[in-house]
PDBML (XML) file of the C-alpha atoms, coordinates in Angstrom:
<?xml version="1.0" encoding="UTF-8" ?>
<PDBx:datablock datablockName="MODEL"
   xmlns:PDBx="http://pdbml.pdb.org/schema/pdbx-v50.xsd"
   xmlns:xsi="http://www.w3.org/2001/XMLSchema-instance"
   xsi:schemaLocation="http://pdbml.pdb.org/schema/pdbx-v50.xsd pdbx-v50.xsd">
   <PDBx:atom_siteCategory>
      <PDBx:atom_site id="1">
         <PDBx:B_iso_or_equiv>0.00</PDBx:B_iso_or_equiv>
         <PDBx:Cartn_x>-20.651</PDBx:Cartn_x>
         <PDBx:Cartn_y>-12.362</PDBx:Cartn_y>
         <PDBx:Cartn_z>20.292</PDBx:Cartn_z>
         <PDBx:auth_asym_id>A</PDBx:auth_asym_id>
         <PDBx:auth_atom_id>CA</PDBx:auth_atom_id>
         <PDBx:auth_comp_id>ASP</PDBx:auth_comp_id>
         <PDBx:auth_seq_id>1</PDBx:auth_seq_id>
         <PDBx:group_PDB>ATOM</PDBx:group_PDB>
         <PDBx:label_alt_id xsi:nil="true" />
         <PDBx:label_asym_id>A</PDBx:label_asym_id>
         <PDBx:label_atom_id>CA</PDBx:label_atom_id>
         <PDBx:label_comp_id>ASP</PDBx:label_comp_id>
         <PDBx:label_entity_id>1</PDBx:label_entity_id>
         <PDBx:label_seq_id>1</PDBx:label_seq_id>
         <PDBx:occupancy>1.00</PDBx:occupancy>
         <PDBx:pdbx_PDB_model_num>1</PDBx:pdbx_PDB_model_num>
         <PDBx:type_symbol>C</PDBx:type_symbol>
      </PDBx:atom_site>
      <PDBx:atom_site id="2">
         <PDBx:B_iso_or_equiv>0.00</PDBx:B_iso_or_equiv>
         <PDBx:Cartn_x>-19.899</PDBx:Cartn_x>
         <PDBx:Cartn_y>-16.578</PDBx:Cartn_y>
         <PDBx:Cartn_z>18.954</PDBx:Cartn_z>
         <PDBx:auth_asym_id>A</PDBx:auth_asym_id>
         <PDBx:auth_atom_id>CA</PDBx:auth_atom_id>
         <PDBx:auth_comp_id>TYR</PDBx:auth_comp_id>
         <PDBx:auth_seq_id>2</PDBx:auth_seq_id>
         <PDBx:group_PDB>ATOM</PDBx:group_PDB>
         <PDBx:label_alt_id xsi:nil="true" />
         <PDBx:label_asym_id>A</PDBx:label_asym_id>
         <PDBx:label_atom_id>CA</PDBx:label_atom_id>
         <PDBx:label_comp_id>TYR</PDBx:label_comp_id>
         <PDBx:label_entity_id>1</PDBx:label_entity_id>
         <PDBx:label_seq_id>2</PDBx:label_seq_id>
         <PDBx:occupancy>1.00</PDBx:occupancy>
         <PDBx:pdbx_PDB_model_num>1</PDBx:pdbx_PDB_model_num>
         <PDBx:type_symbol>C</PDBx:type_symbol>
      </PDBx:atom_site>
      <PDBx:atom_site id="3">
         <PDBx:B_iso_or_equiv>0.00</PDBx:B_iso_or_equiv>
         <PDBx:Cartn_x>-17.672</PDBx:Cartn_x>
         <PDBx:Cartn_y>-19.558</PDBx:Cartn_y>
         <PDBx:Cartn_z>20.691</PDBx:Cartn_z>
         <PDBx:auth_asym_id>A</PDBx:auth_asym_id>
         <PDBx:auth_atom_id>CA</PDBx:auth_atom_id>
         <PDBx:auth_comp_id>VAL</PDBx:auth_comp_id>
         <PDBx:auth_seq_id>3</PDBx:auth_seq_id>
         <PDBx:group_PDB>ATOM</PDBx:group_PDB>
         <PDBx:label_alt_id xsi:nil="true" />
         <PDBx:label_asym_id>A</PDBx:label_asym_id>
         <PDBx:label_atom_id>CA</PDBx:label_atom_id>
         <PDBx:label_comp_id>VAL</PDBx:label_comp_id>
         <PDBx:label_entity_id>1</PDBx:label_entity_id>
         <PDBx:label_seq_id>3</PDBx:label_seq_id>
         <PDBx:occupancy>1.00</PDBx:occupancy>
         <PDBx:pdbx_PDB_model_num>1</PDBx:pdbx_PDB_model_num>
         <PDBx:type_symbol>C</PDBx:type_symbol>
      </PDBx:atom_site>
      <PDBx:atom_site id="4">
         <PDBx:B_iso_or_equiv>0.00</PDBx:B_iso_or_equiv>
         <PDBx:Cartn_x>-17.152</PDBx:Cartn_x>
         <PDBx:Cartn_y>-22.216</PDBx:Cartn_y>
         <PDBx:Cartn_z>19.481</PDBx:Cartn_z>
         <PDBx:auth_asym_id>A</PDBx:auth_asym_id>
         <PDBx:auth_atom_id>CA</PDBx:auth_atom_id>
         <PDBx:auth_comp_id>ALA</PDBx:auth_comp_id>
         <PDBx:auth_seq_id>4</PDBx:auth_seq_id>
         <PDBx:group_PDB>ATOM</PDBx:group_PDB>
         <PDBx:label_alt_id xsi:nil="true" />
         <PDBx:label_asym_id>A</PDBx:label_asym_id>
         <PDBx:label_atom_id>CA</PDBx:label_atom_id>
         <PDBx:label_comp_id>ALA</PDBx:label_comp_id>
         <PDBx:label_entity_id>1</PDBx:label_entity_id>
         <PDBx:label_seq_id>4</PDBx:label_seq_id>
         <PDBx:occupancy>1.00</PDBx:occupancy>
         <PDBx:pdbx_PDB_model_num>1</PDBx:pdbx_PDB_model_num>
         <PDBx:type_symbol>C</PDBx:type_symbol>
      </PDBx:atom_site>
      <PDBx:atom_site id="5">
         <PDBx:B_iso_or_equiv>0.00</PDBx:B_iso_or_equiv>
         <PDBx:Cartn_x>-17.221</PDBx:Cartn_x>
         <PDBx:Cartn_y>-25.577</PDBx:Cartn_y>
         <PDBx:Cartn_z>21.135</PDBx:Cartn_z>
         <PDBx:auth_asym_id>A</PDBx:auth_asym_id>
         <PDBx:auth_atom_id>CA</PDBx:auth_atom_id>
         <PDBx:auth_comp_id>LYS</PDBx:auth_comp_id>
         <PDBx:auth_seq_id>5</PDBx:auth_seq_id>
         <PDBx:group_PDB>ATOM</PDBx:group_PDB>
         <PDBx:label_alt_id xsi:nil="true" />
         <PDBx:label_asym_id>A</PDBx:label_asym_id>
         <PDBx:label_atom_id>CA</PDBx:label_atom_id>
         <PDBx:label_comp_id>LYS</PDBx:label_comp_id>
         <PDBx:label_entity_id>1</PDBx:label_entity_id>
         <PDBx:label_seq_id>5</PDBx:label_seq_id>
         <PDBx:occupancy>1.00</PDBx:occupancy>
         <PDBx:pdbx_PDB_model_num>1</PDBx:pdbx_PDB_model_num>
         <PDBx:type_symbol>C</PDBx:type_symbol>
      </PDBx:atom_site>
      <PDBx:atom_site id="6">
         <PDBx:B_iso_or_equiv>0.00</PDBx:B_iso_or_equiv>
         <PDBx:Cartn_x>-15.161</PDBx:Cartn_x>
         <PDBx:Cartn_y>-27.470</PDBx:Cartn_y>
         <PDBx:Cartn_z>22.672</PDBx:Cartn_z>
         <PDBx:auth_asym_id>A</PDBx:auth_asym_id>
         <PDBx:auth_atom_id>CA</PDBx:auth_atom_id>
         <PDBx:auth_comp_id>PRO</PDBx:auth_comp_id>
         <PDBx:auth_seq_id>6</PDBx:auth_seq_id>
         <PDBx:group_PDB>ATOM</PDBx:group_PDB>
         <PDBx:label_alt_id xsi:nil="true" />
         <PDBx:label_asym_id>A</PDBx:label_asym_id>
         <PDBx:label_atom_id>CA</PDBx:label_atom_id>
         <PDBx:label_comp_id>PRO</PDBx:label_comp_id>
         <PDBx:label_entity_id>1</PDBx:label_entity_id>
         <PDBx:label_seq_id>6</PDBx:label_seq_id>
         <PDBx:occupancy>1.00</PDBx:occupancy>
         <PDBx:pdbx_PDB_model_num>1</PDBx:pdbx_PDB_model_num>
         <PDBx:type_symbol>C</PDBx:type_symbol>
      </PDBx:atom_site>
      <PDBx:atom_site id="7">
         <PDBx:B_iso_or_equiv>0.00</PDBx:B_iso_or_equiv>
         <PDBx:Cartn_x>-14.921</PDBx:Cartn_x>
         <PDBx:Cartn_y>-23.977</PDBx:Cartn_y>
         <PDBx:Cartn_z>24.978</PDBx:Cartn_z>
         <PDBx:auth_asym_id>A</PDBx:auth_asym_id>
         <PDBx:auth_atom_id>CA</PDBx:auth_atom_id>
         <PDBx:auth_comp_id>VAL</PDBx:auth_comp_id>
         <PDBx:auth_seq_id>7</PDBx:auth_seq_id>
         <PDBx:group_PDB>ATOM</PDBx:group_PDB>
         <PDBx:label_alt_id xsi:nil="true" />
         <PDBx:label_asym_id>A</PDBx:label_asym_id>
         <PDBx:label_atom_id>CA</PDBx:label_atom_id>
         <PDBx:label_comp_id>VAL</PDBx:label_comp_id>
         <PDBx:label_entity_id>1</PDBx:label_entity_id>
         <PDBx:label_seq_id>7</PDBx:label_seq_id>
         <PDBx:occupancy>1.00</PDBx:occupancy>
         <PDBx:pdbx_PDB_model_num>1</PDBx:pdbx_PDB_model_num>
         <PDBx:type_symbol>C</PDBx:type_symbol>
      </PDBx:atom_site>
      <PDBx:atom_site id="8">
         <PDBx:B_iso_or_equiv>0.00</PDBx:B_iso_or_equiv>
         <PDBx:Cartn_x>-11.894</PDBx:Cartn_x>
         <PDBx:Cartn_y>-23.532</PDBx:Cartn_y>
         <PDBx:Cartn_z>25.911</PDBx:Cartn_z>
         <PDBx:auth_asym_id>A</PDBx:auth_asym_id>
         <PDBx:auth_atom_id>CA</PDBx:auth_atom_id>
         <PDBx:auth_comp_id>LYS</PDBx:auth_comp_id>
         <PDBx:auth_seq_id>8</PDBx:auth_seq_id>
         <PDBx:group_PDB>ATOM</PDBx:group_PDB>
         <PDBx:label_alt_id xsi:nil="true" />
         <PDBx:label_asym_id>A</PDBx:label_asym_id>
         <PDBx:label_atom_id>CA</PDBx:label_atom_id>
         <PDBx:label_comp_id>LYS</PDBx:label_comp_id>
         <PDBx:label_entity_id>1</PDBx:label_entity_id>
         <PDBx:label_seq_id>8</PDBx:label_seq_id>
         <PDBx:occupancy>1.00</PDBx:occupancy>
         <PDBx:pdbx_PDB_model_num>1</PDBx:pdbx_PDB_model_num>
         <PDBx:type_symbol>C</PDBx:type_symbol>
      </PDBx:atom_site>
      <PDBx:atom_site id="9">
         <PDBx:B_iso_or_equiv>0.00</PDBx:B_iso_or_equiv>
         <PDBx:Cartn_x>-10.364</PDBx:Cartn_x>
         <PDBx:Cartn_y>-21.330</PDBx:Cartn_y>
         <PDBx:Cartn_z>29.421</PDBx:Cartn_z>
         <PDBx:auth_asym_id>A</PDBx:auth_asym_id>
         <PDBx:auth_atom_id>CA</PDBx:auth_atom_id>
         <PDBx:auth_comp_id>LEU</PDBx:auth_comp_id>
         <PDBx:auth_seq_id>9</PDBx:auth_seq_id>
         <PDBx:group_PDB>ATOM</PDBx:group_PDB>
         <PDBx:label_alt_id xsi:nil="true" />
         <PDBx:label_asym_id>A</PDBx:label_asym_id>
         <PDBx:label_atom_id>CA</PDBx:label_atom_id>
         <PDBx:label_comp_id>LEU</PDBx:label_comp_id>
         <PDBx:label_entity_id>1</PDBx:label_entity_id>
         <PDBx:label_seq_id>9</PDBx:label_seq_id>
         <PDBx:occupancy>1.00</PDBx:occupancy>
         <PDBx:pdbx_PDB_model_num>1</PDBx:pdbx_PDB_model_num>
         <PDBx:type_symbol>C</PDBx:type_symbol>
      </PDBx:atom_site>
      <PDBx:atom_site id="10">
         <PDBx:B_iso_or_equiv>0.00</PDBx:B_iso_or_equiv>
         <PDBx:Cartn_x>-8.286</PDBx:Cartn_x>
         <PDBx:Cartn_y>-18.618</PDBx:Cartn_y>
         <PDBx:Cartn_z>27.449</PDBx:Cartn_z>
         <PDBx:auth_asym_id>A</PDBx:auth_asym_id>
         <PDBx:auth_atom_id>CA</PDBx:auth_atom_id>
         <PDBx:auth_comp_id>ASP</PDBx:auth_comp_id>
         <PDBx:auth_seq_id>10</PDBx:auth_seq_id>
         <PDBx:group_PDB>ATOM</PDBx:group_PDB>
         <PDBx:label_alt_id xsi:nil="true" />
         <PDBx:label_asym_id>A</PDBx:label_asym_id>
         <PDBx:label_atom_id>CA</PDBx:label_atom_id>
         <PDBx:label_comp_id>ASP</PDBx:label_comp_id>
         <PDBx:label_entity_id>1</PDBx:label_entity_id>
         <PDBx:label_seq_id>10</PDBx:label_seq_id>
         <PDBx:occupancy>1.00</PDBx:occupancy>
         <PDBx:pdbx_PDB_model_num>1</PDBx:pdbx_PDB_model_num>
         <PDBx:type_symbol>C</PDBx:type_symbol>
      </PDBx:atom_site>
      <PDBx:atom_site id="11">
         <PDBx:B_iso_or_equiv>0.00</PDBx:B_iso_or_equiv>
         <PDBx:Cartn_x>-11.433</PDBx:Cartn_x>
         <PDBx:Cartn_y>-18.470</PDBx:Cartn_y>
         <PDBx:Cartn_z>24.880</PDBx:Cartn_z>
         <PDBx:auth_asym_id>A</PDBx:auth_asym_id>
         <PDBx:auth_atom_id>CA</PDBx:auth_atom_id>
         <PDBx:auth_comp_id>GLU</PDBx:auth_comp_id>
         <PDBx:auth_seq_id>11</PDBx:auth_seq_id>
         <PDBx:group_PDB>ATOM</PDBx:group_PDB>
         <PDBx:label_alt_id xsi:nil="true" />
         <PDBx:label_asym_id>A</PDBx:label_asym_id>
         <PDBx:label_atom_id>CA</PDBx:label_atom_id>
         <PDBx:label_comp_id>GLU</PDBx:label_comp_id>
         <PDBx:label_entity_id>1</PDBx:label_entity_id>
         <PDBx:label_seq_id>11</PDBx:label_seq_id>
         <PDBx:occupancy>1.00</PDBx:occupancy>
         <PDBx:pdbx_PDB_model_num>1</PDBx:pdbx_PDB_model_num>
         <PDBx:type_symbol>C</PDBx:type_symbol>
      </PDBx:atom_site>
      <PDBx:atom_site id="12">
         <PDBx:B_iso_or_equiv>0.00</PDBx:B_iso_or_equiv>
         <PDBx:Cartn_x>-13.953</PDBx:Cartn_x>
         <PDBx:Cartn_y>-17.809</PDBx:Cartn_y>
         <PDBx:Cartn_z>28.196</PDBx:Cartn_z>
         <PDBx:auth_asym_id>A</PDBx:auth_asym_id>
         <PDBx:auth_atom_id>CA</PDBx:auth_atom_id>
         <PDBx:auth_comp_id>LEU</PDBx:auth_comp_id>
         <PDBx:auth_seq_id>12</PDBx:auth_seq_id>
         <PDBx:group_PDB>ATOM</PDBx:group_PDB>
         <PDBx:label_alt_id xsi:nil="true" />
         <PDBx:label_asym_id>A</PDBx:label_asym_id>
         <PDBx:label_atom_id>CA</PDBx:label_atom_id>
         <PDBx:label_comp_id>LEU</PDBx:label_comp_id>
         <PDBx:label_entity_id>1</PDBx:label_entity_id>
         <PDBx:label_seq_id>12</PDBx:label_seq_id>
         <PDBx:occupancy>1.00</PDBx:occupancy>
         <PDBx:pdbx_PDB_model_num>1</PDBx:pdbx_PDB_model_num>
         <PDBx:type_symbol>C</PDBx:type_symbol>
      </PDBx:atom_site>
      <PDBx:atom_site id="13">
         <PDBx:B_iso_or_equiv>0.00</PDBx:B_iso_or_equiv>
         <PDBx:Cartn_x>-11.070</PDBx:Cartn_x>
         <PDBx:Cartn_y>-15.585</PDBx:Cartn_y>
         <PDBx:Cartn_z>30.077</PDBx:Cartn_z>
         <PDBx:auth_asym_id>A</PDBx:auth_asym_id>
         <PDBx:auth_atom_id>CA</PDBx:auth_atom_id>
         <PDBx:auth_comp_id>HIS</PDBx:auth_comp_id>
         <PDBx:auth_seq_id>13</PDBx:auth_seq_id>
         <PDBx:group_PDB>ATOM</PDBx:group_PDB>
         <PDBx:label_alt_id xsi:nil="true" />
         <PDBx:label_asym_id>A</PDBx:label_asym_id>
         <PDBx:label_atom_id>CA</PDBx:label_atom_id>
         <PDBx:label_comp_id>HIS</PDBx:label_comp_id>
         <PDBx:label_entity_id>1</PDBx:label_entity_id>
         <PDBx:label_seq_id>13</PDBx:label_seq_id>
         <PDBx:occupancy>1.00</PDBx:occupancy>
         <PDBx:pdbx_PDB_model_num>1</PDBx:pdbx_PDB_model_num>
         <PDBx:type_symbol>C</PDBx:type_symbol>
      </PDBx:atom_site>
      <PDBx:atom_site id="14">
         <PDBx:B_iso_or_equiv>0.00</PDBx:B_iso_or_equiv>
         <PDBx:Cartn_x>-10.680</PDBx:Cartn_x>
         <PDBx:Cartn_y>-13.464</PDBx:Cartn_y>
         <PDBx:Cartn_z>26.497</PDBx:Cartn_z>
         <PDBx:auth_asym_id>A</PDBx:auth_asym_id>
         <PDBx:auth_atom_id>CA</PDBx:auth_atom_id>
         <PDBx:auth_comp_id>SER</PDBx:auth_comp_id>
         <PDBx:auth_seq_id>14</PDBx:auth_seq_id>
         <PDBx:group_PDB>ATOM</PDBx:group_PDB>
         <PDBx:label_alt_id xsi:nil="true" />
         <PDBx:label_asym_id>A</PDBx:label_asym_id>
         <PDBx:label_atom_id>CA</PDBx:label_atom_id>
         <PDBx:label_comp_id>SER</PDBx:label_comp_id>
         <PDBx:label_entity_id>1</PDBx:label_entity_id>
         <PDBx:label_seq_id>14</PDBx:label_seq_id>
         <PDBx:occupancy>1.00</PDBx:occupancy>
         <PDBx:pdbx_PDB_model_num>1</PDBx:pdbx_PDB_model_num>
         <PDBx:type_symbol>C</PDBx:type_symbol>
      </PDBx:atom_site>
      <PDBx:atom_site id="15">
         <PDBx:B_iso_or_equiv>0.00</PDBx:B_iso_or_equiv>
         <PDBx:Cartn_x>-14.525</PDBx:Cartn_x>
         <PDBx:Cartn_y>-12.464</PDBx:Cartn_y>
         <PDBx:Cartn_z>26.109</PDBx:Cartn_z>
         <PDBx:auth_asym_id>A</PDBx:auth_asym_id>
         <PDBx:auth_atom_id>CA</PDBx:auth_atom_id>
         <PDBx:auth_comp_id>VAL</PDBx:auth_comp_id>
         <PDBx:auth_seq_id>15</PDBx:auth_seq_id>
         <PDBx:group_PDB>ATOM</PDBx:group_PDB>
         <PDBx:label_alt_id xsi:nil="true" />
         <PDBx:label_asym_id>A</PDBx:label_asym_id>
         <PDBx:label_atom_id>CA</PDBx:label_atom_id>
         <PDBx:label_comp_id>VAL</PDBx:label_comp_id>
         <PDBx:label_entity_id>1</PDBx:label_entity_id>
         <PDBx:label_seq_id>15</PDBx:label_seq_id>
         <PDBx:occupancy>1.00</PDBx:occupancy>
         <PDBx:pdbx_PDB_model_num>1</PDBx:pdbx_PDB_model_num>
         <PDBx:type_symbol>C</PDBx:type_symbol>
      </PDBx:atom_site>
      <PDBx:atom_site id="16">
         <PDBx:B_iso_or_equiv>0.00</PDBx:B_iso_or_equiv>
         <PDBx:Cartn_x>-14.994</PDBx:Cartn_x>
         <PDBx:Cartn_y>-11.356</PDBx:Cartn_y>
         <PDBx:Cartn_z>29.727</PDBx:Cartn_z>
         <PDBx:auth_asym_id>A</PDBx:auth_asym_id>
         <PDBx:auth_atom_id>CA</PDBx:auth_atom_id>
         <PDBx:auth_comp_id>ILE</PDBx:auth_comp_id>
         <PDBx:auth_seq_id>16</PDBx:auth_seq_id>
         <PDBx:group_PDB>ATOM</PDBx:group_PDB>
         <PDBx:label_alt_id xsi:nil="true" />
         <PDBx:label_asym_id>A</PDBx:label_asym_id>
         <PDBx:label_atom_id>CA</PDBx:label_atom_id>
         <PDBx:label_comp_id>ILE</PDBx:label_comp_id>
         <PDBx:label_entity_id>1</PDBx:label_entity_id>
         <PDBx:label_seq_id>16</PDBx:label_seq_id>
         <PDBx:occupancy>1.00</PDBx:occupancy>
         <PDBx:pdbx_PDB_model_num>1</PDBx:pdbx_PDB_model_num>
         <PDBx:type_symbol>C</PDBx:type_symbol>
      </PDBx:atom_site>
      <PDBx:atom_site id="17">
         <PDBx:B_iso_or_equiv>0.00</PDBx:B_iso_or_equiv>
         <PDBx:Cartn_x>-12.182</PDBx:Cartn_x>
         <PDBx:Cartn_y>-9.667</PDBx:Cartn_y>
         <PDBx:Cartn_z>29.276</PDBx:Cartn_z>
         <PDBx:auth_asym_id>A</PDBx:auth_asym_id>
         <PDBx:auth_atom_id>CA</PDBx:auth_atom_id>
         <PDBx:auth_comp_id>VAL</PDBx:auth_comp_id>
         <PDBx:auth_seq_id>17</PDBx:auth_seq_id>
         <PDBx:group_PDB>ATOM</PDBx:group_PDB>
         <PDBx:label_alt_id xsi:nil="true" />
         <PDBx:label_asym_id>A</PDBx:label_asym_id>
         <PDBx:label_atom_id>CA</PDBx:label_atom_id>
         <PDBx:label_comp_id>VAL</PDBx:label_comp_id>
         <PDBx:label_entity_id>1</PDBx:label_entity_id>
         <PDBx:label_seq_id>17</PDBx:label_seq_id>
         <PDBx:occupancy>1.00</PDBx:occupancy>
         <PDBx:pdbx_PDB_model_num>1</PDBx:pdbx_PDB_model_num>
         <PDBx:type_symbol>C</PDBx:type_symbol>
      </PDBx:atom_site>
      <PDBx:atom_site id="18">
         <PDBx:B_iso_or_equiv>0.00</PDBx:B_iso_or_equiv>
         <PDBx:Cartn_x>-13.663</PDBx:Cartn_x>
         <PDBx:Cartn_y>-7.699</PDBx:Cartn_y>
         <PDBx:Cartn_z>26.224</PDBx:Cartn_z>
         <PDBx:auth_asym_id>A</PDBx:auth_asym_id>
         <PDBx:auth_atom_id>CA</PDBx:auth_atom_id>
         <PDBx:auth_comp_id>LYS</PDBx:auth_comp_id>
         <PDBx:auth_seq_id>18</PDBx:auth_seq_id>
         <PDBx:group_PDB>ATOM</PDBx:group_PDB>
         <PDBx:label_alt_id xsi:nil="true" />
         <PDBx:label_asym_id>A</PDBx:label_asym_id>
         <PDBx:label_atom_id>CA</PDBx:label_atom_id>
         <PDBx:label_comp_id>LYS</PDBx:label_comp_id>
         <PDBx:label_entity_id>1</PDBx:label_entity_id>
         <PDBx:label_seq_id>18</PDBx:label_seq_id>
         <PDBx:occupancy>1.00</PDBx:occupancy>
         <PDBx:pdbx_PDB_model_num>1</PDBx:pdbx_PDB_model_num>
         <PDBx:type_symbol>C</PDBx:type_symbol>
      </PDBx:atom_site>
      <PDBx:atom_site id="19">
         <PDBx:B_iso_or_equiv>0.00</PDBx:B_iso_or_equiv>
         <PDBx:Cartn_x>-16.721</PDBx:Cartn_x>
         <PDBx:Cartn_y>-6.923</PDBx:Cartn_y>
         <PDBx:Cartn_z>27.096</PDBx:Cartn_z>
         <PDBx:auth_asym_id>A</PDBx:auth_asym_id>
         <PDBx:auth_atom_id>CA</PDBx:auth_atom_id>
         <PDBx:auth_comp_id>TYR</PDBx:auth_comp_id>
         <PDBx:auth_seq_id>19</PDBx:auth_seq_id>
         <PDBx:group_PDB>ATOM</PDBx:group_PDB>
         <PDBx:label_alt_id xsi:nil="true" />
         <PDBx:label_asym_id>A</PDBx:label_asym_id>
         <PDBx:label_atom_id>CA</PDBx:label_atom_id>
         <PDBx:label_comp_id>TYR</PDBx:label_comp_id>
         <PDBx:label_entity_id>1</PDBx:label_entity_id>
         <PDBx:label_seq_id>19</PDBx:label_seq_id>
         <PDBx:occupancy>1.00</PDBx:occupancy>
         <PDBx:pdbx_PDB_model_num>1</PDBx:pdbx_PDB_model_num>
         <PDBx:type_symbol>C</PDBx:type_symbol>
      </PDBx:atom_site>
      <PDBx:atom_site id="20">
         <PDBx:B_iso_or_equiv>0.00</PDBx:B_iso_or_equiv>
         <PDBx:Cartn_x>-16.370</PDBx:Cartn_x>
         <PDBx:Cartn_y>-6.163</PDBx:Cartn_y>
         <PDBx:Cartn_z>30.855</PDBx:Cartn_z>
         <PDBx:auth_asym_id>A</PDBx:auth_asym_id>
         <PDBx:auth_atom_id>CA</PDBx:auth_atom_id>
         <PDBx:auth_comp_id>PHE</PDBx:auth_comp_id>
         <PDBx:auth_seq_id>20</PDBx:auth_seq_id>
         <PDBx:group_PDB>ATOM</PDBx:group_PDB>
         <PDBx:label_alt_id xsi:nil="true" />
         <PDBx:label_asym_id>A</PDBx:label_asym_id>
         <PDBx:label_atom_id>CA</PDBx:label_atom_id>
         <PDBx:label_comp_id>PHE</PDBx:label_comp_id>
         <PDBx:label_entity_id>1</PDBx:label_entity_id>
         <PDBx:label_seq_id>20</PDBx:label_seq_id>
         <PDBx:occupancy>1.00</PDBx:occupancy>
         <PDBx:pdbx_PDB_model_num>1</PDBx:pdbx_PDB_model_num>
         <PDBx:type_symbol>C</PDBx:type_symbol>
      </PDBx:atom_site>
      <PDBx:atom_site id="21">
         <PDBx:B_iso_or_equiv>0.00</PDBx:B_iso_or_equiv>
         <PDBx:Cartn_x>-12.481</PDBx:Cartn_x>
         <PDBx:Cartn_y>-5.919</PDBx:Cartn_y>
         <PDBx:Cartn_z>31.127</PDBx:Cartn_z>
         <PDBx:auth_asym_id>A</PDBx:auth_asym_id>
         <PDBx:auth_atom_id>CA</PDBx:auth_atom_id>
         <PDBx:auth_comp_id>GLY</PDBx:auth_comp_id>
         <PDBx:auth_seq_id>21</PDBx:auth_seq_id>
         <PDBx:group_PDB>ATOM</PDBx:group_PDB>
         <PDBx:label_alt_id xsi:nil="true" />
         <PDBx:label_asym_id>A</PDBx:label_asym_id>
         <PDBx:label_atom_id>CA</PDBx:label_atom_id>
         <PDBx:label_comp_id>GLY</PDBx:label_comp_id>
         <PDBx:label_entity_id>1</PDBx:label_entity_id>
         <PDBx:label_seq_id>21</PDBx:label_seq_id>
         <PDBx:occupancy>1.00</PDBx:occupancy>
         <PDBx:pdbx_PDB_model_num>1</PDBx:pdbx_PDB_model_num>
         <PDBx:type_symbol>C</PDBx:type_symbol>
      </PDBx:atom_site>
      <PDBx:atom_site id="22">
         <PDBx:B_iso_or_equiv>0.00</PDBx:B_iso_or_equiv>
         <PDBx:Cartn_x>-10.789</PDBx:Cartn_x>
         <PDBx:Cartn_y>-1.912</PDBx:Cartn_y>
         <PDBx:Cartn_z>31.589</PDBx:Cartn_z>
         <PDBx:auth_asym_id>A</PDBx:auth_asym_id>
         <PDBx:auth_atom_id>CA</PDBx:auth_atom_id>
         <PDBx:auth_comp_id>PRO</PDBx:auth_comp_id>
         <PDBx:auth_seq_id>22</PDBx:auth_seq_id>
         <PDBx:group_PDB>ATOM</PDBx:group_PDB>
         <PDBx:label_alt_id xsi:nil="true" />
         <PDBx:label_asym_id>A</PDBx:label_asym_id>
         <PDBx:label_atom_id>CA</PDBx:label_atom_id>
         <PDBx:label_comp_id>PRO</PDBx:label_comp_id>
         <PDBx:label_entity_id>1</PDBx:label_entity_id>
         <PDBx:label_seq_id>22</PDBx:label_seq_id>
         <PDBx:occupancy>1.00</PDBx:occupancy>
         <PDBx:pdbx_PDB_model_num>1</PDBx:pdbx_PDB_model_num>
         <PDBx:type_symbol>C</PDBx:type_symbol>
      </PDBx:atom_site>
      <PDBx:atom_site id="23">
         <PDBx:B_iso_or_equiv>0.00</PDBx:B_iso_or_equiv>
         <PDBx:Cartn_x>-10.970</PDBx:Cartn_x>
         <PDBx:Cartn_y>0.416</PDBx:Cartn_y>
         <PDBx:Cartn_z>28.598</PDBx:Cartn_z>
         <PDBx:auth_asym_id>A</PDBx:auth_asym_id>
         <PDBx:auth_atom_id>CA</PDBx:auth_atom_id>
         <PDBx:auth_comp_id>VAL</PDBx:auth_comp_id>
         <PDBx:auth_seq_id>23</PDBx:auth_seq_id>
         <PDBx:group_PDB>ATOM</PDBx:group_PDB>
         <PDBx:label_alt_id xsi:nil="true" />
         <PDBx:label_asym_id>A</PDBx:label_asym_id>
         <PDBx:label_atom_id>CA</PDBx:label_atom_id>
         <PDBx:label_comp_id>VAL</PDBx:label_comp_id>
         <PDBx:label_entity_id>1</PDBx:label_entity_id>
         <PDBx:label_seq_id>23</PDBx:label_seq_id>
         <PDBx:occupancy>1.00</PDBx:occupancy>
         <PDBx:pdbx_PDB_model_num>1</PDBx:pdbx_PDB_model_num>
         <PDBx:type_symbol>C</PDBx:type_symbol>
      </PDBx:atom_site>
      <PDBx:atom_site id="24">
         <PDBx:B_iso_or_equiv>0.00</PDBx:B_iso_or_equiv>
         <PDBx:Cartn_x>-7.835</PDBx:Cartn_x>
         <PDBx:Cartn_y>0.830</PDBx:Cartn_y>
         <PDBx:Cartn_z>26.487</PDBx:Cartn_z>
         <PDBx:auth_asym_id>A</PDBx:auth_asym_id>
         <PDBx:auth_atom_id>CA</PDBx:auth_atom_id>
         <PDBx:auth_comp_id>ALA</PDBx:auth_comp_id>
         <PDBx:auth_seq_id>24</PDBx:auth_seq_id>
         <PDBx:group_PDB>ATOM</PDBx:group_PDB>
         <PDBx:label_alt_id xsi:nil="true" />
         <PDBx:label_asym_id>A</PDBx:label_asym_id>
         <PDBx:label_atom_id>CA</PDBx:label_atom_id>
         <PDBx:label_comp_id>ALA</PDBx:label_comp_id>
         <PDBx:label_entity_id>1</PDBx:label_entity_id>
         <PDBx:label_seq_id>24</PDBx:label_seq_id>
         <PDBx:occupancy>1.00</PDBx:occupancy>
         <PDBx:pdbx_PDB_model_num>1</PDBx:pdbx_PDB_model_num>
         <PDBx:type_symbol>C</PDBx:type_symbol>
      </PDBx:atom_site>
   </PDBx:atom_siteCategory>
</PDBx:datablock>
C-alpha cells in the first residue's frame, strides 16, 4: 500500500486496521 506525506494519525490507524484488523 501507499501513504502520502505528511503522514497523519488517522491514515496510520486506517492502514493497520485494513491489513491486521478483524475480518468482517
